């Protein structure tokens, strides 16, 4: 467990450790949710070059819409930390965000949504100033977030009530709840805005929902512990981690079929794909490592030790998010 330093000292410590990173090197930023820290990993040498305290239970992260900052959501510290997305340097902290487990900006950039996993609610903030607009009780265990294209709705998985909820971003009211399989986690809107894909972590499939109805139209077998999604950048294929099966599946979003699955050890969870599409970086959450996969051969290239229970991961030079 890392000691928790005041922000100025943390920034100074991070600045010193960054000296170990070769000039011009790209870094991967990894959230160690069990260690209250971030790891910086050199993507050329495949070695951790720095580890610094960040806050309690950093689970998810995302870039601001202008790519100026990378936001780390610290669920148990009740704050957001804004990093330089290229260096990982801490820039500032926003301390009035309650239990931000998963976070997301609406496509129109008007709203910032936070799923409060521990407190059984969803908070909607004005994206411009992070002023709270509405706090919506939504049991049980709100988890992951998606949006439709016109930003009229946000969709939230509820892990312990086995539901997906739709919330209007115009009225800030729950529009519908739809029953799904056991422990829904990752949720993904297809690029054509037609279907929601939901990783059913308590089972072995992705549930495909016509969200306008709402109605489940298909259950696509993938592997035990179907969990989280990442776009491959071609607006057709999306990656899915199967955390119990220790595999990653590739889903064709046009045909709604699996095109390929390949092994990734240690409870694969969040992912990042390099801009050239050649490497997939996957946090192996149960074994304190990041696994790097060669996407041409689907073979493991590197296994990089990081902190305890690694979760979110980010590389600035990443593939497109659709």
C-alpha atoms as a PDB file:
ATOM      1  CA  UNK A   1       0.000   0.000   0.000  1.00  0.00           C
ATOM      2  CA  UNK A   2       1.375   3.405  -0.943  1.00  0.00           C
ATOM      3  CA  UNK A   3       1.489   6.341   1.392  1.00  0.00           C
ATOM      4  CA  UNK A   4      -0.936   9.124   0.431  1.00  0.00           C
ATOM      5  CA  UNK A   5       1.004  12.349  -0.222  1.00  0.00           C
ATOM      6  CA  UNK A   6      -0.353  15.906  -0.545  1.00  0.00           C
ATOM      7  CA  UNK A   7      -0.894  16.977  -4.153  1.00  0.00           C
ATOM      8  CA  UNK A   8       2.214  19.256  -4.533  1.00  0.00           C
ATOM      9  CA  UNK A   9       4.503  16.553  -3.167  1.00  0.00           C
ATOM     10  CA  UNK A  10       2.848  13.884  -5.332  1.00  0.00           C
ATOM     11  CA  UNK A  11       3.455  16.019  -8.414  1.00  0.00           C
ATOM     12  CA  UNK A  12       7.090  16.526  -7.425  1.00  0.00           C
ATOM     13  CA  UNK A  13       7.585  12.800  -6.862  1.00  0.00           C
ATOM     14  CA  UNK A  14       6.020  12.017 -10.218  1.00  0.00           C
ATOM     15  CA  UNK A  15       8.266  14.579 -11.912  1.00  0.00           C
ATOM     16  CA  UNK A  16      11.335  12.862 -10.457  1.00  0.00           C
ATOM     17  CA  UNK A  17      10.244   9.384 -11.476  1.00  0.00           C
ATOM     18  CA  UNK A  18       9.437  10.558 -15.002  1.00  0.00           C
ATOM     19  CA  UNK A  19      13.159  11.161 -15.459  1.00  0.00           C
ATOM     20  CA  UNK A  20      13.501   7.386 -15.795  1.00  0.00           C
ATOM     21  CA  UNK A  21      11.382   7.418 -18.966  1.00  0.00           C
ATOM     22  CA  UNK A  22      13.408   7.837 -22.205  1.00  0.00           C
ATOM     23  CA  UNK A  23      12.817  11.119 -24.021  1.00  0.00           C
ATOM     24  CA  UNK A  24      10.093  10.844 -26.643  1.00  0.00           C
ATOM     25  CA  UNK A  25       8.801   7.518 -25.336  1.00  0.00           C
ATOM     26  CA  UNK A  26       5.071   6.840 -25.262  1.00  0.00           C
ATOM     27  CA  UNK A  27       3.655   5.738 -21.916  1.00  0.00           C
ATOM     28  CA  UNK A  28       0.758   3.596 -20.842  1.00  0.00           C
ATOM     29  CA  UNK A  29      -1.056   4.873 -17.751  1.00  0.00           C
ATOM     30  CA  UNK A  30      -2.412   2.049 -15.584  1.00  0.00           C
ATOM     31  CA  UNK A  31      -4.731   2.430 -12.583  1.00  0.00           C
ATOM     32  CA  UNK A  32      -3.830   0.122  -9.704  1.00  0.00           C
ATOM     33  CA  UNK A  33      -7.200   0.080  -7.946  1.00  0.00           C
ATOM     34  CA  UNK A  34      -5.945  -2.006  -5.019  1.00  0.00           C
ATOM     35  CA  UNK A  35      -2.817   0.070  -4.397  1.00  0.00           C
ATOM     36  CA  UNK A  36      -4.170   3.652  -4.642  1.00  0.00           C
ATOM     37  CA  UNK A  37      -1.617   4.342  -7.362  1.00  0.00           C
ATOM     38  CA  UNK A  38      -0.928   4.705 -11.061  1.00  0.00           C
ATOM     39  CA  UNK A  39       1.810   2.917 -12.971  1.00  0.00           C
ATOM     40  CA  UNK A  40       3.559   4.512 -15.934  1.00  0.00           C
ATOM     41  CA  UNK A  41       4.801   1.920 -18.426  1.00  0.00           C
ATOM     42  CA  UNK A  42       7.208   2.647 -21.271  1.00  0.00           C
ATOM     43  CA  UNK A  43       5.632   1.268 -24.466  1.00  0.00           C
ATOM     44  CA  UNK A  44       9.055   0.807 -26.102  1.00  0.00           C
ATOM     45  CA  UNK A  45      10.899  -1.025 -23.309  1.00  0.00           C
ATOM     46  CA  UNK A  46       7.713  -2.568 -21.820  1.00  0.00           C
ATOM     47  CA  UNK A  47       8.870  -1.678 -18.304  1.00  0.00           C
ATOM     48  CA  UNK A  48       7.205   0.213 -15.495  1.00  0.00           C
ATOM     49  CA  UNK A  49       9.125   3.486 -15.113  1.00  0.00           C
ATOM     50  CA  UNK A  50       7.144   5.094 -12.302  1.00  0.00           C
ATOM     51  CA  UNK A  51       4.474   4.419  -9.733  1.00  0.00           C
ATOM     52  CA  UNK A  52       2.852   7.237  -7.807  1.00  0.00           C
ATOM     53  CA  UNK A  53      -0.030   7.626  -5.319  1.00  0.00           C
ATOM     54  CA  UNK A  54      -3.264   8.895  -6.902  1.00  0.00           C
ATOM     55  CA  UNK A  55      -6.172   8.275  -4.478  1.00  0.00           C
ATOM     56  CA  UNK A  56      -8.361   5.513  -3.101  1.00  0.00           C
ATOM     57  CA  UNK A  57      -9.817   2.980  -5.557  1.00  0.00           C
ATOM     58  CA  UNK A  58      -8.968   4.433  -8.965  1.00  0.00           C
ATOM     59  CA  UNK A  59     -11.063   2.222 -11.226  1.00  0.00           C
ATOM     60  CA  UNK A  60     -11.800   4.021 -14.496  1.00  0.00           C
ATOM     61  CA  UNK A  61     -10.372   6.848 -16.541  1.00  0.00           C
ATOM     62  CA  UNK A  62     -11.148   8.818 -19.678  1.00  0.00           C
ATOM     63  CA  UNK A  63      -9.823  11.769 -21.646  1.00  0.00           C
ATOM     64  CA  UNK A  64     -11.653  15.081 -21.640  1.00  0.00           C
ATOM     65  CA  UNK A  65     -13.391  15.807 -24.966  1.00  0.00           C
ATOM     66  CA  UNK A  66     -10.561  18.165 -26.005  1.00  0.00           C
ATOM     67  CA  UNK A  67      -7.900  15.585 -25.030  1.00  0.00           C
ATOM     68  CA  UNK A  68      -6.244  18.182 -22.809  1.00  0.00           C
ATOM     69  CA  UNK A  69      -6.525  16.053 -19.675  1.00  0.00           C
ATOM     70  CA  UNK A  70      -6.924  12.440 -18.647  1.00  0.00           C
ATOM     71  CA  UNK A  71      -9.459  12.098 -15.814  1.00  0.00           C
ATOM     72  CA  UNK A  72      -8.910   9.428 -13.154  1.00  0.00           C
ATOM     73  CA  UNK A  73     -12.023   8.620 -11.095  1.00  0.00           C
ATOM     74  CA  UNK A  74     -11.176   7.748  -7.488  1.00  0.00           C
ATOM     75  CA  UNK A  75     -14.291   6.020  -6.160  1.00  0.00           C
ATOM     76  CA  UNK A  76     -13.366   5.835  -2.474  1.00  0.00           C
ATOM     77  CA  UNK A  77     -11.581   9.219  -2.368  1.00  0.00           C
ATOM     78  CA  UNK A  78     -14.664  10.884  -3.871  1.00  0.00           C
ATOM     79  CA  UNK A  79     -12.668  12.921  -6.365  1.00  0.00           C
ATOM     80  CA  UNK A  80     -11.404  13.265  -9.907  1.00  0.00           C
ATOM     81  CA  UNK A  81      -7.720  13.715 -10.708  1.00  0.00           C
ATOM     82  CA  UNK A  82      -6.730  15.430 -13.949  1.00  0.00           C
ATOM     83  CA  UNK A  83      -3.494  14.194 -15.519  1.00  0.00           C
ATOM     84  CA  UNK A  84      -1.401  15.243 -18.474  1.00  0.00           C
ATOM     85  CA  UNK A  85      -2.468  12.461 -20.895  1.00  0.00           C
ATOM     86  CA  UNK A  86       1.000  12.167 -22.424  1.00  0.00           C
ATOM     87  CA  UNK A  87       3.202  12.226 -19.325  1.00  0.00           C
ATOM     88  CA  UNK A  88       0.858  11.151 -16.513  1.00  0.00           C
ATOM     89  CA  UNK A  89       1.770  14.249 -14.503  1.00  0.00           C
ATOM     90  CA  UNK A  90      -0.905  15.326 -12.007  1.00  0.00           C
ATOM     91  CA  UNK A  91      -2.343  18.705 -12.939  1.00  0.00           C
ATOM     92  CA  UNK A  92      -5.242  19.267 -10.551  1.00  0.00           C
ATOM     93  CA  UNK A  93      -7.898  17.556  -8.460  1.00  0.00           C
ATOM     94  CA  UNK A  94     -11.667  18.035  -8.218  1.00  0.00           C
ATOM     95  CA  UNK A  95     -12.790  16.986  -4.754  1.00  0.00           C
ATOM     96  CA  UNK A  96     -16.590  17.353  -4.909  1.00  0.00           C
ATOM     97  CA  UNK A  97     -17.477  14.271  -6.979  1.00  0.00           C
ATOM     98  CA  UNK A  98     -19.146  11.583  -4.878  1.00  0.00           C
ATOM     99  CA  UNK A  99     -18.159   7.940  -5.468  1.00  0.00           C
ATOM    100  CA  UNK A 100     -17.194   8.172  -9.161  1.00  0.00           C
ATOM    101  CA  UNK A 101     -16.799   4.517 -10.125  1.00  0.00           C
ATOM    102  CA  UNK A 102     -17.423   4.871 -13.881  1.00  0.00           C
ATOM    103  CA  UNK A 103     -17.599   8.200 -15.717  1.00  0.00           C
ATOM    104  CA  UNK A 104     -18.613   9.459 -19.150  1.00  0.00           C
ATOM    105  CA  UNK A 105     -19.214  12.589 -21.225  1.00  0.00           C
ATOM    106  CA  UNK A 106     -22.335  12.746 -23.374  1.00  0.00           C
ATOM    107  CA  UNK A 107     -21.504  12.996 -27.108  1.00  0.00           C
ATOM    108  CA  UNK A 108     -22.760  16.594 -27.212  1.00  0.00           C
ATOM    109  CA  UNK A 109     -20.360  17.404 -24.333  1.00  0.00           C
ATOM    110  CA  UNK A 110     -23.107  18.970 -22.219  1.00  0.00           C
ATOM    111  CA  UNK A 111     -23.274  16.355 -19.479  1.00  0.00           C
ATOM    112  CA  UNK A 112     -20.807  14.450 -17.310  1.00  0.00           C
ATOM    113  CA  UNK A 113     -22.295  11.255 -15.873  1.00  0.00           C
ATOM    114  CA  UNK A 114     -20.925   9.368 -12.879  1.00  0.00           C
ATOM    115  CA  UNK A 115     -22.084   5.899 -11.828  1.00  0.00           C
ATOM    116  CA  UNK A 116     -21.800   5.613  -8.039  1.00  0.00           C
ATOM    117  CA  UNK A 117     -21.302   1.890  -7.653  1.00  0.00           C
ATOM    118  CA  UNK A 118     -21.025   1.910  -3.861  1.00  0.00           C
ATOM    119  CA  UNK A 119     -23.854   4.392  -3.182  1.00  0.00           C
ATOM    120  CA  UNK A 120     -26.455   3.000  -5.607  1.00  0.00           C
ATOM    121  CA  UNK A 121     -27.062   6.154  -7.613  1.00  0.00           C
ATOM    122  CA  UNK A 122     -26.178   7.999 -10.807  1.00  0.00           C
ATOM    123  CA  UNK A 123     -25.048  11.616 -10.658  1.00  0.00           C
ATOM    124  CA  UNK A 124     -25.460  13.951 -13.636  1.00  0.00           C
ATOM    125  CA  UNK A 125     -23.242  17.045 -13.738  1.00  0.00           C
ATOM    126  CA  UNK A 126     -23.024  20.006 -16.081  1.00  0.00           C
ATOM    127  CA  UNK A 127     -19.871  19.211 -18.046  1.00  0.00           C
ATOM    128  CA  UNK A 128     -18.789  22.847 -18.277  1.00  0.00           C
ATOM    129  CA  UNK A 129     -18.320  23.352 -14.527  1.00  0.00           C
ATOM    130  CA  UNK A 130     -19.085  19.977 -12.869  1.00  0.00           C
ATOM    131  CA  UNK A 131     -22.052  21.475 -11.052  1.00  0.00           C
ATOM    132  CA  UNK A 132     -24.449  18.739  -9.941  1.00  0.00           C
ATOM    133  CA  UNK A 133     -27.678  18.785 -11.970  1.00  0.00           C
ATOM    134  CA  UNK A 134     -29.442  15.693 -10.621  1.00  0.00           C
ATOM    135  CA  UNK A 135     -28.772  12.778  -8.289  1.00  0.00           C
ATOM    136  CA  UNK A 136     -30.786   9.715  -9.283  1.00  0.00           C
ATOM    137  CA  UNK A 137     -31.177   6.720  -6.925  1.00  0.00           C
ATOM    138  CA  UNK A 138     -30.704   3.640  -9.099  1.00  0.00           C
ATOM    139  CA  UNK A 139     -30.109   0.410  -7.216  1.00  0.00           C
ATOM    140  CA  UNK A 140     -28.507  -1.921  -7.334  1.00  0.00           C
ATOM    141  CA  UNK A 141     -24.796  -1.274  -7.986  1.00  0.00           C
ATOM    142  CA  UNK A 142     -24.719   1.060 -11.009  1.00  0.00           C
ATOM    143  CA  UNK A 143     -21.691   0.088 -13.041  1.00  0.00           C
ATOM    144  CA  UNK A 144     -20.916   1.052 -16.661  1.00  0.00           C
ATOM    145  CA  UNK A 145     -22.201   3.835 -18.926  1.00  0.00           C
ATOM    146  CA  UNK A 146     -23.147   4.331 -22.588  1.00  0.00           C
ATOM    147  CA  UNK A 147     -24.973   7.019 -24.596  1.00  0.00           C
ATOM    148  CA  UNK A 148     -27.045   7.195 -27.748  1.00  0.00           C
ATOM    149  CA  UNK A 149     -25.806   9.319 -30.624  1.00  0.00           C
ATOM    150  CA  UNK A 150     -27.999  12.399 -30.066  1.00  0.00           C
ATOM    151  CA  UNK A 151     -27.207  12.543 -26.330  1.00  0.00           C
ATOM    152  CA  UNK A 152     -30.859  12.248 -25.343  1.00  0.00           C
ATOM    153  CA  UNK A 153     -30.255   9.124 -23.224  1.00  0.00           C
ATOM    154  CA  UNK A 154     -27.601   7.574 -21.061  1.00  0.00           C
ATOM    155  CA  UNK A 155     -27.666   3.838 -20.305  1.00  0.00           C
ATOM    156  CA  UNK A 156     -26.427   2.315 -17.046  1.00  0.00           C
ATOM    157  CA  UNK A 157     -25.844  -1.331 -16.151  1.00  0.00           C
ATOM    158  CA  UNK A 158     -27.060  -2.355 -12.683  1.00  0.00           C
ATOM    159  CA  UNK A 159     -24.857  -5.257 -11.645  1.00  0.00           C
ATOM    160  CA  UNK A 160     -26.774  -6.582  -8.680  1.00  0.00           C
ATOM    161  CA  UNK A 161     -30.351  -6.089  -9.900  1.00  0.00           C
ATOM    162  CA  UNK A 162     -29.538  -7.592 -13.332  1.00  0.00           C
ATOM    163  CA  UNK A 163     -30.949  -4.649 -15.265  1.00  0.00           C
ATOM    164  CA  UNK A 164     -30.057  -1.916 -17.729  1.00  0.00           C
ATOM    165  CA  UNK A 165     -31.564   1.508 -17.043  1.00  0.00           C
ATOM    166  CA  UNK A 166     -32.116   4.347 -19.511  1.00  0.00           C
ATOM    167  CA  UNK A 167     -32.049   7.912 -18.174  1.00  0.00           C
ATOM    168  CA  UNK A 168     -33.225  10.947 -20.135  1.00  0.00           C
ATOM    169  CA  UNK A 169     -30.594  13.669 -20.326  1.00  0.00           C
ATOM    170  CA  UNK A 170     -33.373  16.165 -21.021  1.00  0.00           C
ATOM    171  CA  UNK A 171     -35.565  15.451 -17.987  1.00  0.00           C
ATOM    172  CA  UNK A 172     -33.000  13.600 -15.821  1.00  0.00           C
ATOM    173  CA  UNK A 173     -35.567  10.916 -15.103  1.00  0.00           C
ATOM    174  CA  UNK A 174     -35.430   7.143 -15.553  1.00  0.00           C
ATOM    175  CA  UNK A 175     -37.180   6.286 -18.843  1.00  0.00           C
ATOM    176  CA  UNK A 176     -37.076   2.511 -18.580  1.00  0.00           C
ATOM    177  CA  UNK A 177     -35.433  -0.472 -16.939  1.00  0.00           C
ATOM    178  CA  UNK A 178     -34.834  -3.691 -18.834  1.00  0.00           C
ATOM    179  CA  UNK A 179     -34.089  -7.070 -17.259  1.00  0.00           C
ATOM    180  CA  UNK A 180     -30.931  -8.807 -18.500  1.00  0.00           C
ATOM    181  CA  UNK A 181     -28.663 -11.668 -17.430  1.00  0.00           C
ATOM    182  CA  UNK A 182     -26.755 -11.991 -14.156  1.00  0.00           C
ATOM    183  CA  UNK A 183     -24.282  -9.211 -13.313  1.00  0.00           C
ATOM    184  CA  UNK A 184     -24.297  -6.935 -16.369  1.00  0.00           C
ATOM    185  CA  UNK A 185     -21.124  -4.831 -16.553  1.00  0.00           C
ATOM    186  CA  UNK A 186     -19.683  -3.279 -19.715  1.00  0.00           C
ATOM    187  CA  UNK A 187     -22.172  -1.613 -22.057  1.00  0.00           C
ATOM    188  CA  UNK A 188     -21.550  -0.457 -25.615  1.00  0.00           C
ATOM    189  CA  UNK A 189     -23.563   1.370 -28.275  1.00  0.00           C
ATOM    190  CA  UNK A 190     -22.993   0.094 -31.828  1.00  0.00           C
ATOM    191  CA  UNK A 191     -21.773   2.757 -34.304  1.00  0.00           C
ATOM    192  CA  UNK A 192     -25.088   2.643 -36.199  1.00  0.00           C
ATOM    193  CA  UNK A 193     -26.888   3.641 -32.958  1.00  0.00           C
ATOM    194  CA  UNK A 194     -29.165   0.595 -33.229  1.00  0.00           C
ATOM    195  CA  UNK A 195     -28.096  -1.790 -30.496  1.00  0.00           C
ATOM    196  CA  UNK A 196     -26.715  -1.873 -27.001  1.00  0.00           C
ATOM    197  CA  UNK A 197     -24.209  -4.634 -26.277  1.00  0.00           C
ATOM    198  CA  UNK A 198     -24.052  -5.675 -22.625  1.00  0.00           C
ATOM    199  CA  UNK A 199     -21.336  -7.883 -21.145  1.00  0.00           C
ATOM    200  CA  UNK A 200     -23.037 -10.359 -18.804  1.00  0.00           C
ATOM    201  CA  UNK A 201     -20.197 -10.968 -16.352  1.00  0.00           C
ATOM    202  CA  UNK A 202     -22.112 -13.472 -14.243  1.00  0.00           C
ATOM    203  CA  UNK A 203     -22.657 -15.647 -17.303  1.00  0.00           C
ATOM    204  CA  UNK A 204     -20.939 -16.256 -20.654  1.00  0.00           C
ATOM    205  CA  UNK A 205     -22.526 -14.005 -23.255  1.00  0.00           C
ATOM    206  CA  UNK A 206     -23.191 -10.537 -24.579  1.00  0.00           C
ATOM    207  CA  UNK A 207     -26.836  -9.504 -24.446  1.00  0.00           C
ATOM    208  CA  UNK A 208     -27.883  -7.451 -27.475  1.00  0.00           C
ATOM    209  CA  UNK A 209     -30.703  -4.976 -26.887  1.00  0.00           C
ATOM    210  CA  UNK A 210     -32.875  -2.966 -29.235  1.00  0.00           C
ATOM    211  CA  UNK A 211     -32.861   0.024 -26.893  1.00  0.00           C
ATOM    212  CA  UNK A 212     -35.744   1.825 -28.558  1.00  0.00           C
ATOM    213  CA  UNK A 213     -38.184  -0.954 -27.623  1.00  0.00           C
ATOM    214  CA  UNK A 214     -36.481  -2.007 -25.269  1.00  0.00           C
ATOM    215  CA  UNK A 215     -36.141  -5.671 -26.120  1.00  0.00           C
ATOM    216  CA  UNK A 216     -33.392  -8.294 -26.022  1.00  0.00           C
ATOM    217  CA  UNK A 217     -32.911  -9.567 -29.570  1.00  0.00           C
ATOM    218  CA  UNK A 218     -29.945 -11.892 -29.095  1.00  0.00           C
ATOM    219  CA  UNK A 219     -27.635 -13.524 -26.558  1.00  0.00           C
ATOM    220  CA  UNK A 220     -24.210 -13.913 -28.159  1.00  0.00           C
ATOM    221  CA  UNK A 221     -21.985 -16.552 -26.464  1.00  0.00           C
ATOM    222  CA  UNK A 222     -18.473 -15.228 -25.895  1.00  0.00           C
ATOM    223  CA  UNK A 223     -16.930 -16.782 -22.775  1.00  0.00           C
ATOM    224  CA  UNK A 224     -17.420 -16.867 -19.011  1.00  0.00           C
ATOM    225  CA  UNK A 225     -17.230 -13.490 -17.346  1.00  0.00           C
ATOM    226  CA  UNK A 226     -18.104 -11.396 -20.419  1.00  0.00           C
ATOM    227  CA  UNK A 227     -17.082  -8.007 -19.144  1.00  0.00           C
ATOM    228  CA  UNK A 228     -15.900  -4.896 -20.979  1.00  0.00           C
ATOM    229  CA  UNK A 229     -15.624  -3.415 -24.483  1.00  0.00           C
ATOM    230  CA  UNK A 230     -13.129  -1.468 -26.587  1.00  0.00           C
ATOM    231  CA  UNK A 231     -13.504  -0.311 -30.181  1.00  0.00           C
ATOM    232  CA  UNK A 232     -11.033  -1.573 -32.771  1.00  0.00           C
ATOM    233  CA  UNK A 233     -11.189   1.750 -34.588  1.00  0.00           C
ATOM    234  CA  UNK A 234     -12.704   0.532 -37.866  1.00  0.00           C
ATOM    235  CA  UNK A 235     -16.326   1.349 -36.905  1.00  0.00           C
ATOM    236  CA  UNK A 236     -17.177  -2.324 -37.353  1.00  0.00           C
ATOM    237  CA  UNK A 237     -15.437  -4.476 -34.767  1.00  0.00           C
ATOM    238  CA  UNK A 238     -15.370  -4.226 -30.986  1.00  0.00           C
ATOM    239  CA  UNK A 239     -13.249  -6.155 -28.487  1.00  0.00           C
ATOM    240  CA  UNK A 240     -14.687  -7.815 -25.392  1.00  0.00           C
ATOM    241  CA  UNK A 241     -12.840  -9.223 -22.379  1.00  0.00           C
ATOM    242  CA  UNK A 242     -14.088 -12.503 -20.883  1.00  0.00           C
ATOM    243  CA  UNK A 243     -12.703 -12.219 -17.379  1.00  0.00           C
ATOM    244  CA  UNK A 244     -13.322 -15.783 -16.167  1.00  0.00           C
ATOM    245  CA  UNK A 245     -12.602 -17.557 -19.448  1.00  0.00           C
ATOM    246  CA  UNK A 246      -9.330 -15.579 -19.751  1.00  0.00           C
ATOM    247  CA  UNK A 247     -10.014 -14.649 -23.358  1.00  0.00           C
ATOM    248  CA  UNK A 248     -10.729 -11.630 -25.547  1.00  0.00           C
ATOM    249  CA  UNK A 249     -13.384 -11.889 -28.267  1.00  0.00           C
ATOM    250  CA  UNK A 250     -13.767  -9.805 -31.432  1.00  0.00           C
ATOM    251  CA  UNK A 251     -17.381  -8.936 -32.267  1.00  0.00           C
ATOM    252  CA  UNK A 252     -18.557  -7.890 -35.725  1.00  0.00           C
ATOM    253  CA  UNK A 253     -21.091  -5.162 -34.967  1.00  0.00           C
ATOM    254  CA  UNK A 254     -22.772  -5.443 -38.360  1.00  0.00           C
ATOM    255  CA  UNK A 255     -23.416  -9.188 -38.326  1.00  0.00           C
ATOM    256  CA  UNK A 256     -23.542  -9.459 -34.496  1.00  0.00           C
ATOM    257  CA  UNK A 257     -21.251 -12.481 -34.546  1.00  0.00           C
ATOM    258  CA  UNK A 258     -17.917 -13.467 -32.988  1.00  0.00           C
ATOM    259  CA  UNK A 259     -15.124 -13.451 -35.557  1.00  0.00           C
ATOM    260  CA  UNK A 260     -12.310 -14.592 -33.281  1.00  0.00           C
ATOM    261  CA  UNK A 261     -11.288 -15.218 -29.661  1.00  0.00           C
ATOM    262  CA  UNK A 262      -7.791 -15.465 -28.223  1.00  0.00           C
ATOM    263  CA  UNK A 263      -6.297 -16.126 -24.771  1.00  0.00           C
ATOM    264  CA  UNK A 264      -5.279 -13.413 -22.301  1.00  0.00           C
ATOM    265  CA  UNK A 265      -4.429 -14.608 -18.774  1.00  0.00           C
ATOM    266  CA  UNK A 266      -5.152 -13.374 -15.278  1.00  0.00           C
ATOM    267  CA  UNK A 267      -8.681 -12.008 -15.458  1.00  0.00           C
ATOM    268  CA  UNK A 268      -8.556  -9.628 -18.456  1.00  0.00           C
ATOM    269  CA  UNK A 269     -10.543  -6.473 -17.781  1.00  0.00           C
ATOM    270  CA  UNK A 270      -9.941  -3.060 -19.389  1.00  0.00           C
ATOM    271  CA  UNK A 271      -8.024  -2.661 -22.650  1.00  0.00           C
ATOM    272  CA  UNK A 272      -6.212  -0.156 -24.839  1.00  0.00           C
ATOM    273  CA  UNK A 273      -5.357  -0.554 -28.533  1.00  0.00           C
ATOM    274  CA  UNK A 274      -2.398   1.309 -30.007  1.00  0.00           C
ATOM    275  CA  UNK A 275      -3.109   3.793 -32.792  1.00  0.00           C
ATOM    276  CA  UNK A 276      -1.593   1.525 -35.450  1.00  0.00           C
ATOM    277  CA  UNK A 277      -3.730  -1.392 -34.255  1.00  0.00           C
ATOM    278  CA  UNK A 278      -0.691  -3.609 -33.791  1.00  0.00           C
ATOM    279  CA  UNK A 279      -0.784  -4.061 -30.013  1.00  0.00           C
ATOM    280  CA  UNK A 280      -3.580  -4.663 -27.539  1.00  0.00           C
ATOM    281  CA  UNK A 281      -2.722  -3.774 -23.946  1.00  0.00           C
ATOM    282  CA  UNK A 282      -4.919  -5.607 -21.421  1.00  0.00           C
ATOM    283  CA  UNK A 283      -4.926  -5.339 -17.639  1.00  0.00           C
ATOM    284  CA  UNK A 284      -4.677  -8.824 -16.143  1.00  0.00           C
ATOM    285  CA  UNK A 285      -6.445  -7.833 -12.984  1.00  0.00           C
ATOM    286  CA  UNK A 286      -5.966 -10.933 -10.878  1.00  0.00           C
ATOM    287  CA  UNK A 287      -2.217 -11.327 -11.408  1.00  0.00           C
ATOM    288  CA  UNK A 288      -1.004  -7.685 -11.070  1.00  0.00           C
ATOM    289  CA  UNK A 289       0.162  -7.441 -14.676  1.00  0.00           C
ATOM    290  CA  UNK A 290      -0.490  -5.784 -18.015  1.00  0.00           C
ATOM    291  CA  UNK A 291      -0.512  -8.222 -20.931  1.00  0.00           C
ATOM    292  CA  UNK A 292       0.516  -6.990 -24.385  1.00  0.00           C
ATOM    293  CA  UNK A 293      -0.904  -8.943 -27.341  1.00  0.00           C
ATOM    294  CA  UNK A 294       0.432  -8.859 -30.914  1.00  0.00           C
ATOM    295  CA  UNK A 295      -2.774  -8.316 -32.892  1.00  0.00           C
ATOM    296  CA  UNK A 296      -1.360  -9.861 -36.069  1.00  0.00           C
ATOM    297  CA  UNK A 297      -0.604 -13.207 -34.452  1.00  0.00           C
ATOM    298  CA  UNK A 298      -2.874 -12.920 -31.366  1.00  0.00           C
ATOM    299  CA  UNK A 299       0.110 -14.083 -29.334  1.00  0.00           C
ATOM    300  CA  UNK A 300       1.305 -12.551 -26.056  1.00  0.00           C
ATOM    301  CA  UNK A 301       4.377 -10.329 -26.548  1.00  0.00           C
ATOM    302  CA  UNK A 302       4.975  -9.079 -23.021  1.00  0.00           C
ATOM    303  CA  UNK A 303       3.713  -9.468 -19.463  1.00  0.00           C
ATOM    304  CA  UNK A 304       4.481  -6.379 -17.377  1.00  0.00           C
ATOM    305  CA  UNK A 305       4.255  -6.350 -13.558  1.00  0.00           C
ATOM    306  CA  UNK A 306       2.306  -3.379 -12.152  1.00  0.00           C
ATOM    307  CA  UNK A 307       0.355  -2.698  -8.950  1.00  0.00           C
ATOM    308  CA  UNK A 308      -2.408  -4.613  -7.224  1.00  0.00           C
ATOM    309  CA  UNK A 309      -5.722  -5.083  -9.071  1.00  0.00           C
ATOM    310  CA  UNK A 310      -4.924  -3.045 -12.203  1.00  0.00           C
ATOM    311  CA  UNK A 311      -8.102  -1.738 -13.821  1.00  0.00           C
ATOM    312  CA  UNK A 312      -8.208   1.289 -16.151  1.00  0.00           C
ATOM    313  CA  UNK A 313      -5.519   1.735 -18.828  1.00  0.00           C
ATOM    314  CA  UNK A 314      -4.780   4.542 -21.304  1.00  0.00           C
ATOM    315  CA  UNK A 315      -2.294   5.237 -24.098  1.00  0.00           C
ATOM    316  CA  UNK A 316      -2.489   8.683 -25.661  1.00  0.00           C
ATOM    317  CA  UNK A 317      -1.691   7.388 -29.164  1.00  0.00           C
ATOM    318  CA  UNK A 318      -4.660   5.034 -29.185  1.00  0.00           C
ATOM    319  CA  UNK A 319      -6.904   3.682 -31.931  1.00  0.00           C
ATOM    320  CA  UNK A 320     -10.155   5.571 -32.705  1.00  0.00           C
ATOM    321  CA  UNK A 321     -12.884   5.014 -30.135  1.00  0.00           C
ATOM    322  CA  UNK A 322     -15.436   3.734 -32.690  1.00  0.00           C
END
